[in-house]
Amino acid sequence: MAHIHLWGSSALTRFPTALFPAASLSASRLTARPRALLASVALLAAVALAGCQTDGSVSNLPAKALKPVSAAMRAELEKKQMPLESPILVRIFKEEAELEVWKQDANGQFALLKTYPICRWSGELGPKIKQGDRQAPEGFYAITPGQMNPNSSYYLSFNLGFPNAFDRAYDRTGQFLMVHGDCSSAGCYAMTDEQMGEIYALGRESFFGGQKSFQVQAYPFRMTPLNMAKHRNSPHMAFWKMLKEGNDHFELTRAEPKVDVCERRYVFNAQAPTGDPKPLAFNARAKCPTYEVAQEIATAVAEKQEKDQREFVALVQRGTQTVAVTTGNDGGMHPTFAAKLKPGGQFDQTGRFLLASSDSSTPPLPPTVNPPKNLAAGTDIQTGTTPERPAPVRTATAEPPGSNSNFFGSLFSDSNSTVSKMFGLRGGKDDVPPPPNSKPAKKTRPAQASPARPATPPRAVASSAPGAVRPPAAVPAQPPTHTAAAAPAKPASMPPTATALAPMPAPSSGMMAGAAPVMSSSNFESRWGAFR
């Protein structure tokens, strides 16, 4: 039987051509066709093979979930030599209120496709700890097709999968934490509907190209030495240093880092020791197994960390001013959107801000938004007073994805479904099962006096992400032998405080913590230079 070959994350995915209208379509012609057709055909193929009757559910899918990628985005993809169906990766930076979509190019390396200003995120900088704390998650999360929700109450969304293995190791609670539209957040990352439609479409195309899941890296800020110095007094600094290690792995290799959890900490790009055929088994609460990190990656990461540490120490010694650990503003909003809100604006009966201005130079906002407190409590430009407002009723963004009507959920989330087998998808133990389809509850808060505008803290200067750094092709001298048996003892809990001048741990001989050395049989170029 003839097959169609589509782009996959590690290999081309093959589909029998008998399941598609034209048996001789090439991958390039498929990507040029409307992707809604491919979605419909894939679903109908699953129904036909299962011997079921169809009730026309494909036609009932919301048009927003099947909307093709725009011509402008297709042109950008072509310009950057990124196949439409190649894998994606998402990076989120809270303080800067930016979401980046990265995509594999024709050479198999990830490159930045587009940066989206985040319309709204809630809480403070730092990880989510418990249900109801309004914190947006920080960490590394895997998004499977079953976590995509085309029937979201907030236009379109995908579930981050909180809590992941790391979060559960600390008994953190919370559910239905999303990236969605509607510019309203209570523990989520909220975009505008227009932005979310484009991000959702890019994720959908990567799944049809064979990507089993895409990674979301959620950071408190861009992990630069300057930002680390400004936030050195935060009780979350130990956690953020761990996140920075994963950030460094990605920025140096431009490949999605393999993420595991053991001893209640993240481990990146771990692999079984050379000559050991037994696969690695990680337990988030148990001792780490003996593992290795490829020598060229370990060396490059150690060098970067040493360089960043020197810069961090110099910034502290020069008296770099720290920022407040908490602001009381309940999150943030990108300046692009904050500029649209006028201090003298009106509030509706729910306490949401009615937009006072709009322009075509930035993505449009919905009719009402719930801005951070420092924006909502602004002084009226004309009268010099703070506008009166009713008791705020914040709209909860914890919303369950659809069940039977959820296209991606019904098509992919069941590991035994026909299409799941076609894509090679299998649910992981970290996946959050889709909850029943229902509308989110409204959370009502009593009337509160509008807080005074707080003093604006020093603005962190965000440096651009560094380019991919390739270590020298020559393999460095073999460092002294270490074994995973010398791994640090299991911590009782995450350190509650960080000393202002405490430096980040210095690397040891180019080795990753807890890792045994390994000599690479190939150089850095052969490992990362081409897509396989």
Protein backbone atom coordinates (compact mmCIF):
# COMPACT_ATOMS: atom_id res chain seq x y z
CA MET A 1 0.00 0.00 0.00
CA ALA A 2 1.29 3.48 -0.87
CA HIS A 3 1.90 5.91 1.95
CA ILE A 4 2.03 9.64 2.57
CA HIS A 5 5.03 10.86 4.54
CA LEU A 6 4.55 13.77 6.92
CA TRP A 7 7.07 15.59 9.09
CA GLY A 8 7.61 14.06 12.51
CA SER A 9 9.53 15.05 15.62
CA SER A 10 12.10 12.30 15.20
CA ALA A 11 11.10 10.51 12.01
CA LEU A 12 8.65 10.83 9.19
CA THR A 13 5.15 9.68 10.06
CA ARG A 14 3.48 7.42 7.51
CA PHE A 15 -0.21 7.30 6.69
CA PRO A 16 -1.84 4.80 4.29
CA THR A 17 -2.87 6.73 1.20
CA ALA A 18 -6.12 4.75 1.10
CA LEU A 19 -7.30 6.92 4.01
CA PHE A 20 -6.89 10.13 2.01
CA PRO A 21 -8.67 11.42 -1.11
CA ALA A 22 -5.61 11.41 -3.36
CA ALA A 23 -3.19 8.53 -2.98
CA SER A 24 -0.36 10.28 -4.76
CA LEU A 25 -0.28 13.50 -2.71
CA SER A 26 3.19 14.47 -1.60
CA ALA A 27 3.94 16.04 1.76
CA SER A 28 4.49 19.42 0.16
CA ARG A 29 1.11 19.30 -1.58
CA LEU A 30 -0.57 18.22 1.63
CA THR A 31 0.78 21.21 3.50
CA ALA A 32 -0.58 23.49 0.81
CA ARG A 33 -4.11 22.10 1.14
CA PRO A 34 -6.52 23.42 3.77
CA ARG A 35 -5.64 21.75 7.03
CA ALA A 36 -9.29 21.51 8.00
CA LEU A 37 -9.65 18.88 5.25
CA LEU A 38 -6.87 16.79 6.79
CA ALA A 39 -8.51 17.05 10.22
CA SER A 40 -11.86 15.93 8.86
CA VAL A 41 -10.41 13.06 6.85
CA ALA A 42 -8.37 11.82 9.82
CA LEU A 43 -11.46 11.72 12.01
CA LEU A 44 -13.59 10.04 9.34
CA ALA A 45 -10.83 7.46 8.81
CA ALA A 46 -10.90 6.59 12.50
CA VAL A 47 -14.69 6.23 12.43
CA ALA A 48 -14.60 4.06 9.33
CA LEU A 49 -11.95 1.73 10.71
CA ALA A 50 -13.83 1.41 14.00
CA GLY A 51 -16.99 0.36 12.17
CA CYS A 52 -19.02 3.16 13.83
CA GLN A 53 -21.80 5.36 12.58
CA THR A 54 -21.01 9.06 12.28
CA ASP A 55 -23.46 11.74 13.31
CA GLY A 56 -21.72 14.54 11.45
CA SER A 57 -19.61 15.59 14.44
CA VAL A 58 -16.87 16.85 12.12
CA SER A 59 -19.20 19.47 10.71
CA ASN A 60 -20.11 20.51 14.26
CA LEU A 61 -16.54 21.37 15.16
CA PRO A 62 -16.15 25.12 15.74
CA ALA A 63 -14.72 26.91 12.74
CA LYS A 64 -12.21 28.70 14.98
CA ALA A 65 -10.49 25.36 15.73
CA LEU A 66 -10.14 24.50 12.03
CA LYS A 67 -9.20 27.94 10.78
CA PRO A 68 -6.22 27.61 8.41
CA VAL A 69 -2.91 29.26 9.20
CA SER A 70 -2.97 32.76 7.75
CA ALA A 71 -1.23 33.68 4.51
CA ALA A 72 1.01 36.07 6.43
CA MET A 73 2.15 33.30 8.79
CA ARG A 74 2.73 30.92 5.88
CA ALA A 75 4.92 33.54 4.25
CA GLU A 76 6.89 33.95 7.47
CA LEU A 77 7.36 30.19 7.73
CA GLU A 78 8.62 30.01 4.18
CA LYS A 79 10.97 32.92 4.77
CA LYS A 80 12.48 31.18 7.79
CA GLN A 81 12.54 27.78 6.05
CA MET A 82 10.21 26.21 8.60
CA PRO A 83 7.84 23.51 7.31
CA LEU A 84 4.26 24.18 8.38
CA GLU A 85 3.97 20.77 10.03
CA SER A 86 7.36 20.77 11.81
CA PRO A 87 7.49 20.55 15.64
CA ILE A 88 6.98 23.63 17.83
CA LEU A 89 8.12 24.67 21.32
CA VAL A 90 6.63 27.43 23.50
CA ARG A 91 8.50 29.67 25.95
CA ILE A 92 6.73 31.98 28.42
CA PHE A 93 8.30 34.86 30.36
CA LYS A 94 6.07 36.31 33.09
CA GLU A 95 7.79 39.56 33.97
CA GLU A 96 8.23 40.58 30.34
CA ALA A 97 4.70 39.27 29.59
CA GLU A 98 5.84 37.55 26.40
CA LEU A 99 5.12 34.17 24.83
CA GLU A 100 7.48 32.83 22.18
CA VAL A 101 6.70 30.16 19.60
CA TRP A 102 9.79 28.35 18.35
CA LYS A 103 9.70 25.97 15.41
CA GLN A 104 12.07 23.47 13.85
CA ASP A 105 13.57 24.65 10.60
CA ALA A 106 14.65 22.56 7.63
CA ASN A 107 17.92 21.71 9.44
CA GLY A 108 16.09 20.27 12.44
CA GLN A 109 17.06 23.02 14.90
CA PHE A 110 14.55 25.19 16.73
CA ALA A 111 14.47 28.86 15.79
CA LEU A 112 12.27 31.69 17.00
CA LEU A 113 9.17 32.04 14.84
CA LYS A 114 7.20 34.78 16.63
CA THR A 115 6.95 36.60 19.97
CA TYR A 116 3.44 37.36 21.26
CA PRO A 117 2.73 39.96 23.95
CA ILE A 118 0.76 38.31 26.77
CA CYS A 119 -2.51 40.10 27.43
CA ARG A 120 -2.82 39.00 31.07
CA TRP A 121 -1.27 36.74 33.69
CA SER A 122 -2.20 36.67 37.37
CA GLY A 123 -0.45 36.23 40.72
CA GLU A 124 3.18 37.07 41.49
CA LEU A 125 6.49 35.86 40.11
CA GLY A 126 7.03 32.32 41.38
CA PRO A 127 5.54 28.84 40.95
CA LYS A 128 1.97 27.80 41.60
CA ILE A 129 1.70 26.19 45.04
CA LYS A 130 -1.94 25.49 45.79
CA GLN A 131 -5.43 25.68 44.37
CA GLY A 132 -6.82 29.20 44.51
CA ASP A 133 -3.52 31.11 44.90
CA ARG A 134 -4.02 32.69 41.44
CA GLN A 135 -0.43 31.78 40.52
CA ALA A 136 0.34 30.91 36.90
CA PRO A 137 2.61 27.82 36.74
CA GLU A 138 6.35 27.94 36.17
CA GLY A 139 8.33 24.93 34.96
CA PHE A 140 8.41 22.47 32.09
CA TYR A 141 5.17 21.02 30.73
CA ALA A 142 4.29 18.67 27.85
CA ILE A 143 1.18 19.44 25.76
CA THR A 144 -0.46 16.45 24.05
CA PRO A 145 -3.29 16.62 21.48
CA GLY A 146 -5.75 15.57 24.19
CA GLN A 147 -4.98 18.80 26.08
CA MET A 148 -6.11 20.99 23.18
CA ASN A 149 -9.61 22.39 23.70
CA PRO A 150 -11.47 23.74 20.64
CA ASN A 151 -14.63 24.30 22.72
CA SER A 152 -13.05 26.49 25.38
CA SER A 153 -15.14 29.10 27.18
CA TYR A 154 -12.18 31.40 26.52
CA TYR A 155 -12.14 31.12 22.72
CA LEU A 156 -9.46 28.38 22.30
CA SER A 157 -7.08 26.89 24.84
CA PHE A 158 -4.65 24.16 25.76
CA ASN A 159 -4.17 22.69 29.23
CA LEU A 160 -0.64 23.05 30.63
CA GLY A 161 -0.94 19.74 32.47
CA PHE A 162 -0.35 21.17 35.95
CA PRO A 163 0.63 19.58 38.26
CA ASN A 164 3.47 17.77 36.49
CA ALA A 165 5.78 15.23 38.16
CA PHE A 166 7.86 17.97 39.79
CA ASP A 167 4.79 19.78 41.13
CA ARG A 168 3.32 16.56 42.52
CA ALA A 169 6.60 15.79 44.29
CA TYR A 170 5.94 18.91 46.38
CA ASP A 171 2.22 18.13 46.80
CA ARG A 172 1.22 21.22 44.85
CA THR A 173 -2.46 21.47 43.96
CA GLY A 174 -4.44 23.05 41.17
CA GLN A 175 -6.04 22.04 37.90
CA PHE A 176 -7.16 23.32 34.51
CA LEU A 177 -4.35 25.86 34.23
CA MET A 178 -4.46 27.02 30.63
CA VAL A 179 -3.04 29.15 27.90
CA HIS A 180 -6.21 30.62 26.38
CA GLY A 181 -7.87 33.66 24.82
CA ASP A 182 -10.22 36.32 26.25
CA CYS A 183 -7.49 38.33 28.06
CA SER A 184 -8.78 37.28 31.50
CA SER A 185 -6.69 35.30 33.96
CA ALA A 186 -7.00 33.60 37.34
CA GLY A 187 -3.94 31.37 37.30
CA CYS A 188 -3.59 31.13 33.51
CA TYR A 189 -1.71 32.82 30.70
CA ALA A 190 -4.33 34.77 28.72
CA MET A 191 -3.84 35.95 25.16
CA THR A 192 -6.21 37.82 22.87
CA ASP A 193 -8.52 35.66 20.77
CA GLU A 194 -6.65 36.59 17.60
CA GLN A 195 -3.30 35.53 19.09
CA MET A 196 -4.71 32.32 20.55
CA GLY A 197 -6.21 31.33 17.22
CA GLU A 198 -2.79 31.52 15.58
CA ILE A 199 -0.96 29.71 18.40
CA TYR A 200 -3.61 26.98 18.47
CA ALA A 201 -3.34 26.50 14.69
CA LEU A 202 0.45 26.16 14.87
CA GLY A 203 0.10 23.49 17.56
CA ARG A 204 -2.57 21.68 15.55
CA GLU A 205 -0.34 21.59 12.46
CA SER A 206 2.59 20.18 14.44
CA PHE A 207 0.39 17.35 15.71
CA PHE A 208 -0.73 16.49 12.18
CA GLY A 209 2.95 16.49 11.23
CA GLY A 210 3.60 13.74 13.79
CA GLN A 211 4.74 15.63 16.90
CA LYS A 212 3.46 13.65 19.89
CA SER A 213 3.63 16.58 22.31
CA PHE A 214 5.14 20.04 22.40
CA GLN A 215 7.05 21.48 25.34
CA VAL A 216 6.09 24.64 27.23
CA GLN A 217 8.88 26.28 29.22
CA ALA A 218 7.36 28.77 31.68
CA TYR A 219 9.87 31.14 33.32
CA PRO A 220 9.48 34.01 35.80
CA PHE A 221 11.59 36.26 33.54
CA ARG A 222 14.29 35.95 30.92
CA MET A 223 17.06 34.05 32.65
CA THR A 224 19.83 36.62 32.30
CA PRO A 225 22.46 37.46 34.93
CA LEU A 226 20.92 40.94 35.30
CA ASN A 227 17.46 39.57 36.06
CA MET A 228 18.89 36.99 38.45
CA ALA A 229 20.73 39.79 40.27
CA LYS A 230 17.60 41.95 40.50
CA HIS A 231 15.60 39.07 41.97
CA ARG A 232 18.35 37.62 44.20
CA ASN A 233 16.32 38.23 47.37
CA SER A 234 13.40 36.10 46.22
CA PRO A 235 12.63 32.95 48.23
CA HIS A 236 12.21 31.21 44.85
CA MET A 237 15.80 31.76 43.75
CA ALA A 238 16.87 28.12 44.24
CA PHE A 239 13.94 26.99 42.08
CA TRP A 240 14.71 29.59 39.42
CA LYS A 241 18.37 28.52 39.22
CA MET A 242 17.12 25.03 38.42
CA LEU A 243 14.85 26.40 35.69
CA LYS A 244 17.78 28.38 34.31
CA GLU A 245 19.72 25.15 33.81
CA GLY A 246 16.97 23.88 31.51
CA ASN A 247 16.92 27.26 29.78
CA ASP A 248 20.66 27.01 29.17
CA HIS A 249 20.34 23.51 27.70
CA PHE A 250 17.80 24.77 25.18
CA GLU A 251 19.58 27.98 24.23
CA LEU A 252 22.88 26.19 23.63
CA THR A 253 21.59 23.21 21.67
CA ARG A 254 18.46 24.71 20.07
CA ALA A 255 16.84 21.32 20.68
CA GLU A 256 14.00 20.46 23.03
CA PRO A 257 15.65 19.31 26.27
CA LYS A 258 14.66 15.91 27.61
CA VAL A 259 13.16 16.61 31.04
CA ASP A 260 13.02 14.13 33.94
CA VAL A 261 12.43 14.53 37.68
CA CYS A 262 14.17 12.75 40.55
CA GLU A 263 15.04 13.71 44.12
CA ARG A 264 12.39 16.42 43.67
CA ARG A 265 14.42 18.31 41.10
CA TYR A 266 14.48 18.67 37.32
CA VAL A 267 17.13 16.74 35.38
CA PHE A 268 17.91 17.67 31.78
CA ASN A 269 19.13 15.54 28.87
CA ALA A 270 19.95 12.54 31.05
CA GLN A 271 20.88 9.33 29.27
CA ALA A 272 21.84 5.84 30.34
CA PRO A 273 25.56 5.23 31.00
CA THR A 274 27.56 4.00 28.04
CA GLY A 275 27.29 0.26 27.69
CA ASP A 276 24.31 -0.06 30.02
CA PRO A 277 21.34 -1.47 28.04
CA LYS A 278 18.90 -0.91 30.88
CA PRO A 279 16.69 2.15 30.30
CA LEU A 280 16.66 4.87 32.90
CA ALA A 281 13.77 4.90 35.37
CA PHE A 282 13.03 8.19 37.14
CA ASN A 283 10.91 8.68 40.24
CA ALA A 284 10.21 12.28 41.24
CA ARG A 285 10.57 11.56 44.97
CA ALA A 286 13.26 8.85 44.82
CA LYS A 287 17.02 8.90 44.40
CA CYS A 288 18.24 9.67 40.88
CA PRO A 289 19.49 6.69 38.89
CA THR A 290 23.03 6.67 37.55
CA TYR A 291 22.95 8.70 34.36
CA GLU A 292 25.13 10.66 31.99
CA VAL A 293 24.85 13.89 30.04
CA ALA A 294 26.54 14.05 26.66
CA GLN A 295 30.01 15.52 27.14
CA GLU A 296 29.62 18.30 24.57
CA ILE A 297 26.33 19.46 26.15
CA ALA A 298 27.63 19.23 29.72
CA THR A 299 30.74 21.22 28.81
CA ALA A 300 28.81 23.94 26.99
CA VAL A 301 26.29 24.33 29.83
CA ALA A 302 29.03 24.45 32.48
CA GLU A 303 30.90 27.14 30.56
CA LYS A 304 27.76 29.25 30.17
CA GLN A 305 26.87 28.91 33.85
CA GLU A 306 30.38 29.92 34.87
CA LYS A 307 30.26 32.98 32.60
CA ASP A 308 26.80 33.98 33.87
CA GLN A 309 27.93 33.50 37.48
CA ARG A 310 30.86 35.88 37.02
CA GLU A 311 28.54 38.49 35.54
CA PHE A 312 26.01 37.93 38.36
CA VAL A 313 28.65 38.48 41.04
CA ALA A 314 29.91 41.63 39.31
CA LEU A 315 26.37 43.04 39.13
CA VAL A 316 25.80 42.37 42.84
CA GLN A 317 29.13 43.95 43.78
CA ARG A 318 28.19 47.05 41.77
CA GLY A 319 25.05 47.33 43.88
CA THR A 320 22.43 46.35 41.34
CA GLN A 321 19.12 47.30 42.91
CA THR A 322 16.74 44.47 43.81
CA VAL A 323 13.03 44.48 43.04
CA ALA A 324 10.15 43.79 45.40
CA VAL A 325 9.44 40.13 46.05
CA THR A 326 5.71 40.85 45.96
CA THR A 327 3.92 43.75 44.28
CA GLY A 328 0.26 43.23 45.16
CA ASN A 329 -0.69 43.95 41.56
CA ASP A 330 -2.04 40.44 40.87
CA GLY A 331 0.07 39.71 37.84
CA GLY A 332 0.87 41.69 34.76
CA MET A 333 -0.03 42.77 31.26
CA HIS A 334 2.28 43.55 28.36
CA PRO A 335 2.86 47.31 27.93
CA THR A 336 1.37 47.01 24.45
CA PHE A 337 -1.99 46.25 26.00
CA ALA A 338 -1.59 48.35 29.13
CA ALA A 339 -1.19 51.42 26.91
CA LYS A 340 -4.70 50.83 25.61
CA LEU A 341 -6.22 51.25 29.06
CA LYS A 342 -7.00 54.78 30.17
CA PRO A 343 -7.03 55.62 33.92
CA GLY A 344 -10.37 57.40 33.52
CA GLY A 345 -12.07 54.41 31.91
CA GLN A 346 -15.33 52.83 33.00
CA PHE A 347 -16.08 49.53 34.73
CA ASP A 348 -19.03 47.25 34.03
CA GLN A 349 -21.26 45.57 36.62
CA THR A 350 -18.73 42.77 37.12
CA GLY A 351 -15.84 45.11 37.81
CA ARG A 352 -14.09 44.48 34.50
CA PHE A 353 -12.48 47.40 32.74
CA LEU A 354 -14.34 48.79 29.72
CA LEU A 355 -11.85 49.70 27.04
CA ALA A 356 -11.37 53.40 26.50
CA SER A 357 -9.18 53.30 23.43
CA SER A 358 -8.01 50.99 20.68
CA ASP A 359 -5.88 51.15 17.58
CA SER A 360 -4.94 48.88 14.70
CA SER A 361 -1.22 48.77 15.47
CA THR A 362 -1.59 46.07 18.14
CA PRO A 363 -3.83 43.00 18.58
CA PRO A 364 -7.38 44.04 19.51
CA LEU A 365 -8.61 43.56 23.07
CA PRO A 366 -12.00 42.11 24.01
CA PRO A 367 -14.73 44.58 25.08
CA THR A 368 -13.75 44.19 28.74
CA VAL A 369 -10.59 43.05 30.50
CA ASN A 370 -9.50 42.61 34.14
CA PRO A 371 -6.18 44.50 34.29
CA PRO A 372 -3.61 44.30 37.10
CA LYS A 373 -4.51 46.34 40.17
CA ASN A 374 -1.95 49.04 39.51
CA LEU A 375 -3.62 49.75 36.16
CA ALA A 376 -7.19 49.33 37.38
CA ALA A 377 -6.63 51.83 40.22
CA GLY A 378 -5.24 54.56 37.98
CA THR A 379 -6.05 58.22 38.54
CA ASP A 380 -8.44 59.93 36.16
CA ILE A 381 -6.41 62.20 33.89
CA GLN A 382 -9.13 64.84 33.70
CA THR A 383 -10.42 64.97 37.28
CA GLY A 384 -7.41 63.80 39.28
CA THR A 385 -9.55 61.24 41.08
CA THR A 386 -9.75 57.49 41.05
CA PRO A 387 -12.86 56.36 39.13
CA GLU A 388 -15.55 54.65 41.17
CA ARG A 389 -16.14 51.04 40.41
CA PRO A 390 -18.49 48.31 41.63
CA ALA A 391 -17.37 45.32 43.62
CA PRO A 392 -15.14 43.27 41.31
CA VAL A 393 -16.22 39.79 40.30
CA ARG A 394 -13.22 38.07 38.83
CA THR A 395 -13.90 35.55 36.16
CA ALA A 396 -12.27 32.20 36.92
CA THR A 397 -10.26 30.85 34.05
CA ALA A 398 -10.15 27.29 35.36
CA GLU A 399 -12.21 25.70 32.62
CA PRO A 400 -12.51 22.04 31.73
CA PRO A 401 -11.93 21.05 28.13
CA GLY A 402 -14.77 19.42 26.23
CA SER A 403 -15.29 15.68 26.21
CA ASN A 404 -17.32 14.19 23.35
CA SER A 405 -17.34 17.43 21.39
CA ASN A 406 -13.62 18.02 21.92
CA PHE A 407 -12.11 17.17 18.56
CA PHE A 408 -8.53 16.65 19.69
CA GLY A 409 -9.60 15.07 22.98
CA SER A 410 -11.83 12.46 21.33
CA LEU A 411 -9.47 11.92 18.43
CA PHE A 412 -6.20 11.53 20.29
CA SER A 413 -6.58 11.33 24.08
CA ASP A 414 -7.59 7.66 24.14
CA SER A 415 -4.37 5.73 23.80
CA ASN A 416 -6.32 2.80 22.33
CA SER A 417 -8.09 4.82 19.63
CA THR A 418 -7.28 4.09 16.01
CA VAL A 419 -5.91 7.53 15.23
CA SER A 420 -3.83 7.49 18.42
CA LYS A 421 -2.21 4.33 17.14
CA MET A 422 -1.75 5.93 13.70
CA PHE A 423 0.11 8.85 15.29
CA GLY A 424 1.89 6.63 17.81
CA LEU A 425 0.41 8.66 20.67
CA ARG A 426 0.33 7.27 24.18
CA GLY A 427 -0.81 9.02 27.32
CA GLY A 428 1.84 9.68 29.93
CA LYS A 429 1.54 9.47 33.68
CA ASP A 430 2.02 13.23 33.89
CA ASP A 431 -0.96 13.94 31.64
CA VAL A 432 -3.99 15.58 33.25
CA PRO A 433 -7.12 13.69 32.16
CA PRO A 434 -9.72 15.86 30.44
CA PRO A 435 -12.51 16.76 32.92
CA PRO A 436 -16.24 16.80 32.12
CA ASN A 437 -17.43 19.48 29.73
CA SER A 438 -18.94 22.32 31.75
CA LYS A 439 -18.83 26.07 32.06
CA PRO A 440 -16.46 27.53 34.69
CA ALA A 441 -17.88 28.78 37.96
CA LYS A 442 -17.84 32.45 38.79
CA LYS A 443 -15.86 33.51 41.83
CA THR A 444 -17.30 36.49 43.70
CA ARG A 445 -15.25 38.71 45.92
CA PRO A 446 -16.56 41.39 48.30
CA ALA A 447 -16.17 45.04 47.47
CA GLN A 448 -12.71 46.38 48.09
CA ALA A 449 -11.32 49.86 48.03
CA SER A 450 -9.18 50.51 45.00
CA PRO A 451 -5.55 50.33 46.09
CA ALA A 452 -3.29 53.27 45.50
CA ARG A 453 -0.92 52.99 42.60
CA PRO A 454 2.28 51.45 43.96
CA ALA A 455 5.65 52.87 43.20
CA THR A 456 6.95 51.46 39.97
CA PRO A 457 9.91 49.16 40.63
CA PRO A 458 13.01 49.41 38.49
CA ARG A 459 12.31 47.83 35.13
CA ALA A 460 14.35 44.76 34.32
CA VAL A 461 16.31 45.08 31.13
CA ALA A 462 15.53 41.96 29.11
CA SER A 463 18.34 40.85 26.91
CA SER A 464 17.59 38.90 23.80
CA ALA A 465 17.99 35.16 23.85
CA PRO A 466 21.53 34.22 22.90
CA GLY A 467 22.21 32.41 19.72
CA ALA A 468 22.97 28.75 19.57
CA VAL A 469 26.47 28.25 20.97
CA ARG A 470 28.35 25.32 19.56
CA PRO A 471 31.22 24.00 21.71
CA PRO A 472 34.50 23.28 19.92
CA ALA A 473 34.46 20.10 17.89
CA ALA A 474 37.42 18.80 19.83
CA VAL A 475 36.33 16.75 22.82
CA PRO A 476 37.82 18.15 26.06
CA ALA A 477 40.08 16.14 28.27
CA GLN A 478 38.31 13.53 30.38
CA PRO A 479 37.55 15.06 33.80
CA PRO A 480 38.02 13.21 37.07
CA THR A 481 35.64 10.33 37.46
CA HIS A 482 32.40 10.94 39.37
CA THR A 483 29.47 8.66 39.96
CA ALA A 484 25.79 9.29 40.59
CA ALA A 485 26.25 7.56 43.94
CA ALA A 486 27.73 10.83 45.13
CA ALA A 487 24.51 12.66 44.30
CA PRO A 488 23.36 15.15 46.92
CA ALA A 489 21.08 13.90 49.66
CA LYS A 490 17.37 14.25 49.08
CA PRO A 491 16.32 17.72 50.22
CA ALA A 492 13.61 18.04 52.82
CA SER A 493 11.99 20.86 50.88
CA MET A 494 12.80 23.69 48.51
CA PRO A 495 14.99 26.25 50.32
CA PRO A 496 12.65 28.93 51.71
CA THR A 497 15.08 31.79 51.39
CA ALA A 498 18.10 32.80 49.38
CA THR A 499 20.98 34.90 50.68
CA ALA A 500 21.29 38.14 48.80
CA LEU A 501 24.86 37.56 47.73
CA ALA A 502 24.79 33.80 47.53
CA PRO A 503 26.33 32.84 44.18
CA MET A 504 24.96 30.13 41.99
CA PRO A 505 26.69 26.76 42.40
CA ALA A 506 29.95 26.70 40.49
CA PRO A 507 30.29 23.97 37.87
CA SER A 508 32.73 21.17 38.53
CA SER A 509 35.03 20.16 35.72
CA GLY A 510 32.34 20.65 33.10
CA MET A 511 30.10 17.94 34.58
CA MET A 512 26.39 18.17 35.32
CA ALA A 513 25.37 17.64 38.96
CA GLY A 514 24.61 14.00 39.68
CA ALA A 515 25.99 12.87 36.33
CA ALA A 516 28.81 10.50 35.51
CA PRO A 517 31.19 11.60 32.72
CA VAL A 518 30.90 10.20 29.25
CA MET A 519 33.07 10.56 26.21
CA SER A 520 31.02 11.33 23.13
CA SER A 521 31.64 9.11 20.12
CA SER A 522 30.65 11.93 17.81
CA ASN A 523 31.21 15.64 17.79
CA PHE A 524 28.69 18.37 18.48
CA GLU A 525 28.13 19.03 14.79
CA SER A 526 27.15 15.47 13.98
CA ARG A 527 24.75 15.33 16.92
CA TRP A 528 22.93 18.62 16.40
CA GLY A 529 23.85 19.76 12.91
CA ALA A 530 21.10 17.97 10.99
CA PHE A 531 17.58 16.78 11.62
CA ARG A 532 16.96 13.07 11.78
